[in-house]
Structure formats: C-alpha cells, structure tokens
C-alpha cells in the first residue's frame, strides 16, 4: 500500500512530491497553550518547487483553508482573528468563519470559503512541535483528511473528541470546496 501522507520536506528531498496536485497541512501550535492554527493548501499544475530560507515555494496556483483553535482562556478573543499578532492570526474576520463552541468552551473556527493563492505560495519550515504534511490526491482524500483532523484536533489542540469529529466534518466539507477550485 502506498503512503497517503508524508512529511512535506522529506518528500521534497526524496523527490516524491506530487506535481500534479496534492494537499499540504501546516500546523502552528502555541508553546504555552492549546491555541492552534492550521492551514490546508491545495495545489495543482506545479511549474517549479524550490527550497528557500523560509520554506518551500511552489510556483503554482493554490487554495487555502484556515483552521483556528482558541481555548476558553484565550485573553484576546474580542479581537478579530485577522487583527491578532502575526503568530496568532488568520486572514479572516469572524463573519467569514464557521465557528464551533465546544463543551469546554474551546472554539474551533474554519474558513467558510477558501482563499485563492495566485501564481506562487510558500509553505514555512516547521519549527518546534509544528509539522507540514503533504497528502496525496487519492480517491479517499476527504475521508483521510477528516480522520486526520479528528485525531489532531483532539490530541494536539485539546478539542474534546465529539467536537473534534464535528469540526473535522466541516473541515472535510471545506476541503471538498478546494477540490472544486481546479
């Protein structure tokens, strides 16, 4: 059985990145709380991929879906996500997000619509406990990514399992919109 997902930078070094299209999941975890951000980037028709000091740059169109996990104790929750500090922001206002309030008052926010990236985008090198994974465009990609988010939202971001399942379903629906963009 072939792999469904690999570490992005390892796949690049091994020349196993799918050039015809795939999905990249990047995580950005806060070291002192469960505040977490994820980016899901779909791409196709890659002209070139090259390594920079910041990360991997894809010369390709792409679409991004953003996920934000905000713990109940987050002190700046009144600030729109787009206006937060660089390490805590996503490019959306509250009205542009689907928001779930979990039983422990954690909030999971998901882009209502994907954000288009024209001509090129860069995936940052992961630091600390963060990761960047590439998911291959297999027939069961939506189920694979839904399962992945059920687990990572629960284990890494501290979202109660029942709420992680619900949010993962919405993320999967957002990824389906990414599929339609190409």
N, C-alpha and C. Protein backbone atom coordinates (compact mmCIF):
# COMPACT_ATOMS: atom_id res chain seq x y z
N UNK A 1 0.84 -1.18 0.00
CA UNK A 1 0.00 0.00 0.00
C UNK A 1 0.89 1.24 0.00
N UNK A 2 0.61 2.19 -0.86
CA UNK A 2 1.40 3.41 -0.93
C UNK A 2 0.97 4.39 0.16
N UNK A 3 1.87 5.32 0.46
CA UNK A 3 1.60 6.30 1.51
C UNK A 3 0.50 7.26 1.09
N UNK A 4 -0.30 7.68 2.06
CA UNK A 4 -1.34 8.68 1.82
C UNK A 4 -0.84 10.07 2.17
N UNK A 5 0.15 10.12 3.08
CA UNK A 5 0.70 11.41 3.52
C UNK A 5 2.15 11.21 3.95
N UNK A 6 2.95 12.24 3.73
CA UNK A 6 4.35 12.23 4.15
C UNK A 6 4.72 13.61 4.67
N UNK A 7 5.82 13.67 5.43
CA UNK A 7 6.37 14.94 5.82
C UNK A 7 6.74 15.70 4.54
N UNK A 8 6.29 16.93 4.41
CA UNK A 8 6.47 17.71 3.19
C UNK A 8 7.94 17.86 2.81
N UNK A 9 8.78 18.22 3.75
CA UNK A 9 10.18 18.50 3.44
C UNK A 9 10.95 17.21 3.14
N UNK A 10 10.57 16.12 3.78
CA UNK A 10 11.16 14.83 3.45
C UNK A 10 10.75 14.41 2.04
N UNK A 11 9.49 14.58 1.71
CA UNK A 11 9.01 14.24 0.36
C UNK A 11 9.73 15.07 -0.69
N UNK A 12 10.00 16.34 -0.39
CA UNK A 12 10.73 17.20 -1.32
C UNK A 12 12.15 16.65 -1.52
N UNK A 13 12.83 16.32 -0.43
CA UNK A 13 14.20 15.81 -0.52
C UNK A 13 14.27 14.48 -1.26
N UNK A 14 13.24 13.67 -1.10
CA UNK A 14 13.20 12.36 -1.76
C UNK A 14 12.59 12.43 -3.17
N UNK A 15 12.23 13.64 -3.61
CA UNK A 15 11.61 13.86 -4.92
C UNK A 15 10.33 13.04 -5.11
N UNK A 16 9.51 12.98 -4.05
CA UNK A 16 8.25 12.24 -4.11
C UNK A 16 7.03 13.16 -3.93
N UNK A 17 7.25 14.46 -4.08
CA UNK A 17 6.11 15.39 -4.01
C UNK A 17 5.26 15.23 -5.28
N UNK A 18 3.95 15.12 -5.11
CA UNK A 18 3.11 15.03 -6.30
C UNK A 18 3.03 16.38 -7.02
N UNK A 19 3.49 16.43 -8.25
CA UNK A 19 3.48 17.68 -9.01
C UNK A 19 2.14 17.94 -9.68
N UNK A 20 1.34 16.91 -9.83
CA UNK A 20 0.05 17.10 -10.48
C UNK A 20 -1.01 17.59 -9.51
N UNK A 21 -0.72 17.60 -8.23
CA UNK A 21 -1.66 18.13 -7.24
C UNK A 21 -1.62 17.37 -5.94
N UNK A 22 -1.95 18.07 -4.88
CA UNK A 22 -1.98 17.47 -3.56
C UNK A 22 -2.50 18.48 -2.54
N UNK A 23 -2.40 18.10 -1.29
CA UNK A 23 -2.89 18.93 -0.19
C UNK A 23 -1.80 18.98 0.87
N UNK A 24 -1.51 20.18 1.34
CA UNK A 24 -0.49 20.36 2.36
C UNK A 24 -1.18 20.87 3.62
N UNK A 25 -0.90 20.22 4.74
CA UNK A 25 -1.42 20.65 6.03
C UNK A 25 -0.25 21.15 6.86
N UNK A 26 -0.31 22.41 7.26
CA UNK A 26 0.72 23.01 8.11
C UNK A 26 0.09 23.34 9.45
N UNK A 27 0.85 23.10 10.51
CA UNK A 27 0.35 23.43 11.85
C UNK A 27 1.22 24.50 12.48
N UNK A 28 0.59 25.28 13.34
CA UNK A 28 1.27 26.33 14.09
C UNK A 28 0.71 26.29 15.51
N UNK A 29 1.43 25.62 16.40
CA UNK A 29 0.98 25.45 17.78
C UNK A 29 1.64 26.48 18.69
N UNK A 30 0.87 26.96 19.66
CA UNK A 30 1.39 27.86 20.68
C UNK A 30 2.07 26.97 21.73
N UNK A 31 3.27 27.33 22.13
CA UNK A 31 4.01 26.52 23.09
C UNK A 31 3.48 26.57 24.51
N UNK A 32 2.63 27.56 24.82
CA UNK A 32 2.19 27.72 26.21
C UNK A 32 0.69 27.48 26.41
N UNK A 33 -0.04 27.15 25.32
CA UNK A 33 -1.47 26.86 25.46
C UNK A 33 -1.90 25.94 24.31
N UNK A 34 -3.17 25.66 24.23
CA UNK A 34 -3.67 24.83 23.13
C UNK A 34 -4.11 25.68 21.93
N UNK A 35 -3.80 26.98 21.96
CA UNK A 35 -4.10 27.84 20.81
C UNK A 35 -3.36 27.27 19.60
N UNK A 36 -4.09 26.98 18.54
CA UNK A 36 -3.50 26.30 17.38
C UNK A 36 -4.07 26.86 16.09
N UNK A 37 -3.21 26.89 15.08
CA UNK A 37 -3.64 27.28 13.74
C UNK A 37 -3.21 26.19 12.77
N UNK A 38 -4.06 25.96 11.79
CA UNK A 38 -3.74 25.03 10.71
C UNK A 38 -4.04 25.71 9.39
N UNK A 39 -3.26 25.37 8.38
CA UNK A 39 -3.54 25.79 7.02
C UNK A 39 -3.59 24.54 6.15
N UNK A 40 -4.63 24.43 5.34
CA UNK A 40 -4.71 23.36 4.35
C UNK A 40 -4.59 24.04 2.99
N UNK A 41 -3.57 23.66 2.24
CA UNK A 41 -3.32 24.27 0.94
C UNK A 41 -3.45 23.21 -0.14
N UNK A 42 -4.33 23.44 -1.10
CA UNK A 42 -4.42 22.55 -2.26
C UNK A 42 -3.66 23.20 -3.41
N UNK A 43 -3.07 22.36 -4.24
CA UNK A 43 -2.33 22.88 -5.38
C UNK A 43 -2.42 21.90 -6.55
N UNK A 44 -2.18 22.41 -7.75
CA UNK A 44 -2.09 21.56 -8.94
C UNK A 44 -1.30 22.31 -10.01
N UNK A 45 -0.87 21.58 -11.00
CA UNK A 45 -0.15 22.20 -12.11
C UNK A 45 1.11 22.93 -11.70
N UNK A 46 1.96 22.29 -10.93
CA UNK A 46 3.18 22.92 -10.42
C UNK A 46 4.17 23.16 -11.56
N UNK A 47 4.65 24.39 -11.64
CA UNK A 47 5.68 24.73 -12.61
C UNK A 47 7.07 24.47 -12.03
N UNK A 48 7.22 24.78 -10.74
CA UNK A 48 8.51 24.61 -10.08
C UNK A 48 8.30 24.59 -8.57
N UNK A 49 9.18 23.90 -7.87
CA UNK A 49 9.21 23.90 -6.40
C UNK A 49 10.66 24.11 -6.01
N UNK A 50 10.89 25.06 -5.11
CA UNK A 50 12.27 25.27 -4.68
C UNK A 50 12.32 25.63 -3.20
N UNK A 51 13.45 25.26 -2.60
CA UNK A 51 13.69 25.49 -1.18
C UNK A 51 14.26 26.88 -0.97
N UNK A 52 13.73 27.61 0.02
CA UNK A 52 14.25 28.92 0.41
C UNK A 52 14.61 28.86 1.89
N UNK A 53 15.11 29.96 2.41
CA UNK A 53 15.42 30.02 3.84
C UNK A 53 14.15 29.89 4.68
N UNK A 54 13.01 30.37 4.16
CA UNK A 54 11.75 30.33 4.90
C UNK A 54 11.04 28.99 4.81
N UNK A 55 11.15 28.33 3.66
CA UNK A 55 10.42 27.08 3.47
C UNK A 55 10.45 26.62 2.03
N UNK A 56 9.36 26.00 1.58
CA UNK A 56 9.24 25.51 0.21
C UNK A 56 8.32 26.44 -0.56
N UNK A 57 8.79 26.94 -1.69
CA UNK A 57 7.97 27.79 -2.54
C UNK A 57 7.50 26.98 -3.73
N UNK A 58 6.19 27.03 -3.94
CA UNK A 58 5.55 26.35 -5.06
C UNK A 58 5.17 27.41 -6.09
N UNK A 59 5.63 27.25 -7.32
CA UNK A 59 5.17 28.12 -8.40
C UNK A 59 3.96 27.42 -9.00
N UNK A 60 2.82 27.76 -8.44
CA UNK A 60 1.56 27.11 -8.77
C UNK A 60 0.44 27.93 -8.14
N UNK A 61 -0.74 27.83 -8.72
CA UNK A 61 -1.90 28.39 -8.05
C UNK A 61 -2.25 27.47 -6.88
N UNK A 62 -2.89 28.01 -5.89
CA UNK A 62 -3.30 27.20 -4.75
C UNK A 62 -4.53 27.81 -4.09
N UNK A 63 -5.11 27.04 -3.22
CA UNK A 63 -6.24 27.50 -2.40
C UNK A 63 -5.94 27.12 -0.97
N UNK A 64 -6.32 28.00 -0.04
CA UNK A 64 -6.05 27.74 1.37
C UNK A 64 -7.32 27.77 2.19
N UNK A 65 -7.38 26.85 3.13
CA UNK A 65 -8.42 26.79 4.13
C UNK A 65 -7.72 26.98 5.47
N UNK A 66 -8.25 27.83 6.34
CA UNK A 66 -7.62 28.11 7.63
C UNK A 66 -8.48 27.57 8.76
N UNK A 67 -7.82 27.00 9.76
CA UNK A 67 -8.49 26.47 10.95
C UNK A 67 -7.80 27.10 12.17
N UNK A 68 -8.60 27.59 13.09
CA UNK A 68 -8.09 28.22 14.31
C UNK A 68 -8.75 27.57 15.51
N UNK A 69 -7.95 27.14 16.48
CA UNK A 69 -8.47 26.58 17.73
C UNK A 69 -8.10 27.56 18.84
N UNK A 70 -9.15 28.10 19.48
CA UNK A 70 -8.98 29.12 20.50
C UNK A 70 -9.47 28.58 21.84
N UNK A 71 -8.57 28.36 22.80
CA UNK A 71 -9.02 27.86 24.11
C UNK A 71 -9.88 28.89 24.84
N UNK A 72 -10.69 28.40 25.76
CA UNK A 72 -11.60 29.28 26.52
C UNK A 72 -10.84 30.38 27.26
N UNK A 73 -9.59 30.13 27.61
CA UNK A 73 -8.80 31.09 28.39
C UNK A 73 -8.03 32.08 27.53
N UNK A 74 -8.24 32.06 26.22
CA UNK A 74 -7.51 32.97 25.33
C UNK A 74 -7.87 34.42 25.69
N UNK A 75 -6.89 35.27 26.03
CA UNK A 75 -7.18 36.61 26.56
C UNK A 75 -7.63 37.66 25.52
N UNK A 76 -7.36 37.42 24.23
CA UNK A 76 -7.69 38.45 23.22
C UNK A 76 -8.80 37.98 22.27
N UNK A 77 -9.75 37.24 22.79
CA UNK A 77 -10.81 36.70 21.95
C UNK A 77 -11.73 37.75 21.35
N UNK A 78 -11.74 38.96 21.91
CA UNK A 78 -12.58 40.03 21.34
C UNK A 78 -11.99 40.56 20.04
N UNK A 79 -10.69 40.32 19.78
CA UNK A 79 -10.03 40.77 18.55
C UNK A 79 -10.37 39.84 17.39
N UNK A 80 -10.74 40.40 16.26
CA UNK A 80 -10.97 39.60 15.06
C UNK A 80 -9.68 38.83 14.75
N UNK A 81 -9.78 37.59 14.29
CA UNK A 81 -8.57 36.79 14.00
C UNK A 81 -7.60 37.47 13.03
N UNK A 82 -8.09 38.24 12.10
CA UNK A 82 -7.22 38.90 11.13
C UNK A 82 -6.35 39.98 11.77
N UNK A 83 -6.77 40.54 12.90
CA UNK A 83 -6.05 41.63 13.55
C UNK A 83 -5.16 41.17 14.71
N UNK A 84 -5.07 39.91 14.95
CA UNK A 84 -4.24 39.40 16.05
C UNK A 84 -2.76 39.44 15.67
N UNK A 85 -1.90 39.21 16.68
CA UNK A 85 -0.47 39.16 16.43
C UNK A 85 -0.17 38.14 15.32
N UNK A 86 0.93 38.37 14.63
CA UNK A 86 1.31 37.54 13.48
C UNK A 86 1.23 36.03 13.78
N UNK A 87 1.71 35.61 14.93
CA UNK A 87 1.72 34.18 15.26
C UNK A 87 0.37 33.64 15.71
N UNK A 88 -0.63 34.51 15.78
CA UNK A 88 -1.97 34.09 16.22
C UNK A 88 -3.06 34.39 15.20
N UNK A 89 -2.70 34.97 14.07
CA UNK A 89 -3.73 35.44 13.15
C UNK A 89 -3.98 34.49 11.98
N UNK A 90 -5.17 34.60 11.44
CA UNK A 90 -5.53 34.00 10.17
C UNK A 90 -6.24 35.11 9.37
N UNK A 91 -6.27 35.04 8.05
CA UNK A 91 -6.79 36.16 7.27
C UNK A 91 -8.31 36.20 7.14
N UNK A 92 -8.99 36.14 8.28
CA UNK A 92 -10.46 36.15 8.29
C UNK A 92 -11.00 36.97 9.45
N UNK A 93 -12.17 37.53 9.22
CA UNK A 93 -12.96 38.13 10.28
C UNK A 93 -13.92 37.06 10.78
N UNK A 94 -14.54 37.29 11.93
CA UNK A 94 -15.46 36.30 12.50
C UNK A 94 -16.58 35.92 11.53
N UNK A 95 -17.10 36.90 10.79
CA UNK A 95 -18.23 36.63 9.89
C UNK A 95 -17.83 35.76 8.70
N UNK A 96 -16.53 35.57 8.47
CA UNK A 96 -16.04 34.74 7.37
C UNK A 96 -15.66 33.33 7.82
N UNK A 97 -16.03 32.99 9.05
CA UNK A 97 -15.66 31.70 9.65
C UNK A 97 -16.89 30.92 10.09
N UNK A 98 -16.78 29.61 10.02
CA UNK A 98 -17.75 28.73 10.67
C UNK A 98 -17.16 28.43 12.04
N UNK A 99 -17.90 28.72 13.09
CA UNK A 99 -17.37 28.60 14.45
C UNK A 99 -18.14 27.57 15.25
N UNK A 100 -17.39 26.71 15.94
CA UNK A 100 -17.95 25.71 16.84
C UNK A 100 -17.51 26.04 18.25
N UNK A 101 -18.44 26.07 19.16
CA UNK A 101 -18.09 26.23 20.57
C UNK A 101 -18.22 24.87 21.21
N UNK A 102 -17.12 24.37 21.74
CA UNK A 102 -17.05 23.03 22.32
C UNK A 102 -17.63 23.01 23.73
N UNK A 103 -17.83 21.81 24.23
CA UNK A 103 -18.41 21.66 25.57
C UNK A 103 -17.53 22.29 26.65
N UNK A 104 -16.21 22.41 26.39
CA UNK A 104 -15.31 23.06 27.36
C UNK A 104 -15.06 24.53 27.01
N UNK A 105 -15.87 25.09 26.11
CA UNK A 105 -15.82 26.49 25.67
C UNK A 105 -14.65 26.82 24.74
N UNK A 106 -13.88 25.80 24.33
CA UNK A 106 -12.90 25.99 23.27
C UNK A 106 -13.66 26.31 21.99
N UNK A 107 -13.10 27.18 21.17
CA UNK A 107 -13.74 27.49 19.88
C UNK A 107 -12.86 26.96 18.75
N UNK A 108 -13.51 26.33 17.78
CA UNK A 108 -12.84 25.90 16.56
C UNK A 108 -13.46 26.71 15.43
N UNK A 109 -12.61 27.41 14.69
CA UNK A 109 -13.07 28.26 13.59
C UNK A 109 -12.46 27.77 12.28
N UNK A 110 -13.31 27.68 11.25
CA UNK A 110 -12.91 27.15 9.95
C UNK A 110 -13.32 28.15 8.88
N UNK A 111 -12.44 28.40 7.91
CA UNK A 111 -12.78 29.28 6.79
C UNK A 111 -14.10 28.84 6.17
N UNK A 112 -15.01 29.77 5.98
CA UNK A 112 -16.26 29.46 5.29
C UNK A 112 -16.01 29.24 3.80
N UNK A 113 -15.05 29.98 3.25
CA UNK A 113 -14.67 29.85 1.85
C UNK A 113 -13.15 29.84 1.74
N UNK A 114 -12.60 29.08 0.80
CA UNK A 114 -11.14 29.05 0.61
C UNK A 114 -10.61 30.41 0.15
N UNK A 115 -9.33 30.63 0.40
CA UNK A 115 -8.62 31.82 -0.04
C UNK A 115 -7.73 31.42 -1.21
N UNK A 116 -7.83 32.13 -2.32
CA UNK A 116 -7.05 31.82 -3.52
C UNK A 116 -5.64 32.38 -3.41
N UNK A 117 -4.64 31.57 -3.80
CA UNK A 117 -3.24 31.99 -3.89
C UNK A 117 -2.88 31.97 -5.37
N UNK A 118 -2.50 33.09 -5.92
CA UNK A 118 -2.20 33.18 -7.35
C UNK A 118 -0.71 33.06 -7.61
N UNK A 119 -0.34 32.25 -8.54
CA UNK A 119 0.99 32.07 -9.13
C UNK A 119 2.05 31.43 -8.22
N UNK A 120 2.05 31.71 -6.93
CA UNK A 120 3.06 31.10 -6.04
C UNK A 120 2.63 31.22 -4.59
N UNK A 121 3.11 30.29 -3.78
CA UNK A 121 2.90 30.34 -2.34
C UNK A 121 4.06 29.61 -1.67
N UNK A 122 4.32 29.94 -0.41
CA UNK A 122 5.41 29.33 0.34
C UNK A 122 4.84 28.63 1.56
N UNK A 123 5.29 27.42 1.79
CA UNK A 123 4.97 26.66 3.00
C UNK A 123 6.17 26.80 3.93
N UNK A 124 5.94 27.38 5.10
CA UNK A 124 7.02 27.64 6.05
C UNK A 124 7.59 26.35 6.63
N UNK A 125 8.89 26.38 6.89
CA UNK A 125 9.54 25.25 7.55
C UNK A 125 8.97 25.13 8.96
N UNK A 126 8.58 23.93 9.36
CA UNK A 126 8.06 23.76 10.72
C UNK A 126 9.16 23.96 11.76
N UNK A 127 8.78 24.56 12.86
CA UNK A 127 9.68 24.72 13.99
C UNK A 127 9.04 24.06 15.21
N UNK A 128 9.85 23.71 16.16
CA UNK A 128 9.38 23.14 17.42
C UNK A 128 8.48 21.92 17.16
N UNK A 129 7.26 21.93 17.66
CA UNK A 129 6.35 20.79 17.52
C UNK A 129 5.44 20.89 16.30
N UNK A 130 5.61 21.91 15.49
CA UNK A 130 4.78 22.09 14.31
C UNK A 130 5.13 21.07 13.24
N UNK A 131 4.25 20.93 12.25
CA UNK A 131 4.50 19.99 11.16
C UNK A 131 3.97 20.55 9.85
N UNK A 132 4.46 19.97 8.76
CA UNK A 132 3.95 20.24 7.41
C UNK A 132 3.89 18.89 6.72
N UNK A 133 2.69 18.46 6.38
CA UNK A 133 2.48 17.17 5.73
C UNK A 133 1.89 17.37 4.35
N UNK A 134 2.28 16.52 3.42
CA UNK A 134 1.65 16.53 2.10
C UNK A 134 0.77 15.29 2.02
N UNK A 135 -0.47 15.50 1.62
CA UNK A 135 -1.43 14.41 1.42
C UNK A 135 -1.59 14.21 -0.09
N UNK A 136 -1.44 12.97 -0.50
CA UNK A 136 -1.58 12.65 -1.92
C UNK A 136 -3.06 12.66 -2.30
N UNK A 137 -3.33 13.03 -3.54
CA UNK A 137 -4.70 13.14 -4.03
C UNK A 137 -5.23 11.75 -4.39
N UNK A 138 -5.60 10.99 -3.37
CA UNK A 138 -6.13 9.64 -3.55
C UNK A 138 -7.66 9.71 -3.64
N UNK A 139 -8.29 8.65 -4.12
CA UNK A 139 -9.76 8.66 -4.20
C UNK A 139 -10.45 8.90 -2.85
N UNK A 140 -9.81 8.51 -1.76
CA UNK A 140 -10.42 8.67 -0.43
C UNK A 140 -9.83 9.86 0.35
N UNK A 141 -9.36 10.88 -0.37
CA UNK A 141 -8.69 12.01 0.29
C UNK A 141 -9.58 12.70 1.33
N UNK A 142 -10.85 12.87 1.05
CA UNK A 142 -11.71 13.57 2.01
C UNK A 142 -11.85 12.77 3.31
N UNK A 143 -12.02 11.46 3.21
CA UNK A 143 -12.13 10.62 4.41
C UNK A 143 -10.80 10.60 5.16
N UNK A 144 -9.69 10.53 4.43
CA UNK A 144 -8.37 10.51 5.06
C UNK A 144 -8.13 11.80 5.85
N UNK A 145 -8.44 12.93 5.24
CA UNK A 145 -8.19 14.20 5.92
C UNK A 145 -9.17 14.44 7.07
N UNK A 146 -10.41 13.98 6.91
CA UNK A 146 -11.36 14.11 8.01
C UNK A 146 -10.87 13.31 9.22
N UNK A 147 -10.41 12.09 8.99
CA UNK A 147 -9.88 11.25 10.07
C UNK A 147 -8.66 11.92 10.70
N UNK A 148 -7.76 12.44 9.86
CA UNK A 148 -6.57 13.12 10.35
C UNK A 148 -6.95 14.28 11.28
N UNK A 149 -7.91 15.12 10.87
CA UNK A 149 -8.29 16.26 11.69
C UNK A 149 -9.05 15.84 12.94
N UNK A 150 -9.81 14.76 12.89
CA UNK A 150 -10.44 14.25 14.12
C UNK A 150 -9.37 13.98 15.17
N UNK A 151 -8.29 13.36 14.74
CA UNK A 151 -7.22 12.98 15.67
C UNK A 151 -6.36 14.17 16.10
N UNK A 152 -5.91 15.00 15.16
CA UNK A 152 -5.01 16.09 15.53
C UNK A 152 -5.72 17.17 16.34
N UNK A 153 -6.98 17.46 16.02
CA UNK A 153 -7.70 18.46 16.83
C UNK A 153 -7.85 17.97 18.27
N UNK A 154 -8.08 16.69 18.44
CA UNK A 154 -8.23 16.14 19.78
C UNK A 154 -6.89 16.03 20.50
N UNK A 155 -5.93 15.41 19.87
CA UNK A 155 -4.66 15.11 20.54
C UNK A 155 -3.73 16.32 20.67
N UNK A 156 -3.58 17.10 19.61
CA UNK A 156 -2.64 18.21 19.65
C UNK A 156 -3.28 19.52 20.11
N UNK A 157 -4.54 19.76 19.73
CA UNK A 157 -5.17 21.04 20.05
C UNK A 157 -6.10 20.96 21.27
N UNK A 158 -6.28 19.77 21.85
CA UNK A 158 -7.08 19.64 23.06
C UNK A 158 -8.57 19.79 22.88
N UNK A 159 -9.08 19.60 21.67
CA UNK A 159 -10.52 19.70 21.42
C UNK A 159 -11.19 18.40 21.86
N UNK A 160 -12.27 18.46 22.65
CA UNK A 160 -12.96 17.24 23.04
C UNK A 160 -13.32 16.40 21.79
N UNK A 161 -13.19 15.08 21.90
CA UNK A 161 -13.33 14.20 20.73
C UNK A 161 -14.64 14.40 19.97
N UNK A 162 -15.74 14.52 20.67
CA UNK A 162 -17.02 14.68 19.98
C UNK A 162 -17.05 15.97 19.16
N UNK A 163 -16.47 17.04 19.69
CA UNK A 163 -16.40 18.30 18.98
C UNK A 163 -15.35 18.25 17.86
N UNK A 164 -14.26 17.52 18.08
CA UNK A 164 -13.25 17.35 17.04
C UNK A 164 -13.85 16.62 15.83
N UNK A 165 -14.71 15.64 16.08
CA UNK A 165 -15.38 14.92 14.99
C UNK A 165 -16.26 15.87 14.18
N UNK A 166 -17.01 16.71 14.88
CA UNK A 166 -17.91 17.66 14.21
C UNK A 166 -17.11 18.69 13.40
N UNK A 167 -16.05 19.23 13.99
CA UNK A 167 -15.22 20.22 13.29
C UNK A 167 -14.51 19.58 12.10
N UNK A 168 -14.04 18.35 12.26
CA UNK A 168 -13.35 17.66 11.16
C UNK A 168 -14.28 17.45 9.97
N UNK A 169 -15.55 17.23 10.24
CA UNK A 169 -16.54 17.10 9.16
C UNK A 169 -16.64 18.41 8.39
N UNK A 170 -16.69 19.52 9.08
CA UNK A 170 -16.75 20.83 8.43
C UNK A 170 -15.46 21.12 7.66
N UNK A 171 -14.33 20.75 8.22
CA UNK A 171 -13.05 20.92 7.53
C UNK A 171 -13.06 20.10 6.24
N UNK A 172 -13.54 18.86 6.31
CA UNK A 172 -13.64 17.99 5.13
C UNK A 172 -14.53 18.63 4.06
N UNK A 173 -15.62 19.25 4.48
CA UNK A 173 -16.50 19.94 3.53
C UNK A 173 -15.78 21.13 2.89
N UNK A 174 -14.95 21.82 3.66
CA UNK A 174 -14.14 22.92 3.12
C UNK A 174 -13.11 22.41 2.14
N UNK A 175 -12.51 21.27 2.44
CA UNK A 175 -11.52 20.67 1.53
C UNK A 175 -12.21 20.25 0.23
N UNK A 176 -13.45 19.82 0.32
CA UNK A 176 -14.20 19.48 -0.90
C UNK A 176 -14.34 20.72 -1.79
N UNK A 177 -14.47 21.90 -1.19
CA UNK A 177 -14.52 23.14 -1.97
C UNK A 177 -13.16 23.42 -2.63
N UNK A 178 -12.09 23.04 -1.95
CA UNK A 178 -10.76 23.18 -2.55
C UNK A 178 -10.65 22.31 -3.79
N UNK A 179 -11.26 21.12 -3.74
CA UNK A 179 -11.25 20.21 -4.88
C UNK A 179 -11.92 20.83 -6.09
N UNK A 180 -12.98 21.59 -5.86
CA UNK A 180 -13.76 22.16 -6.95
C UNK A 180 -13.08 23.34 -7.61
N UNK A 181 -12.05 23.90 -7.00
CA UNK A 181 -11.42 25.11 -7.50
C UNK A 181 -10.48 24.85 -8.68
N UNK A 182 -10.10 23.61 -8.92
CA UNK A 182 -9.13 23.33 -10.01
C UNK A 182 -9.80 22.62 -11.13
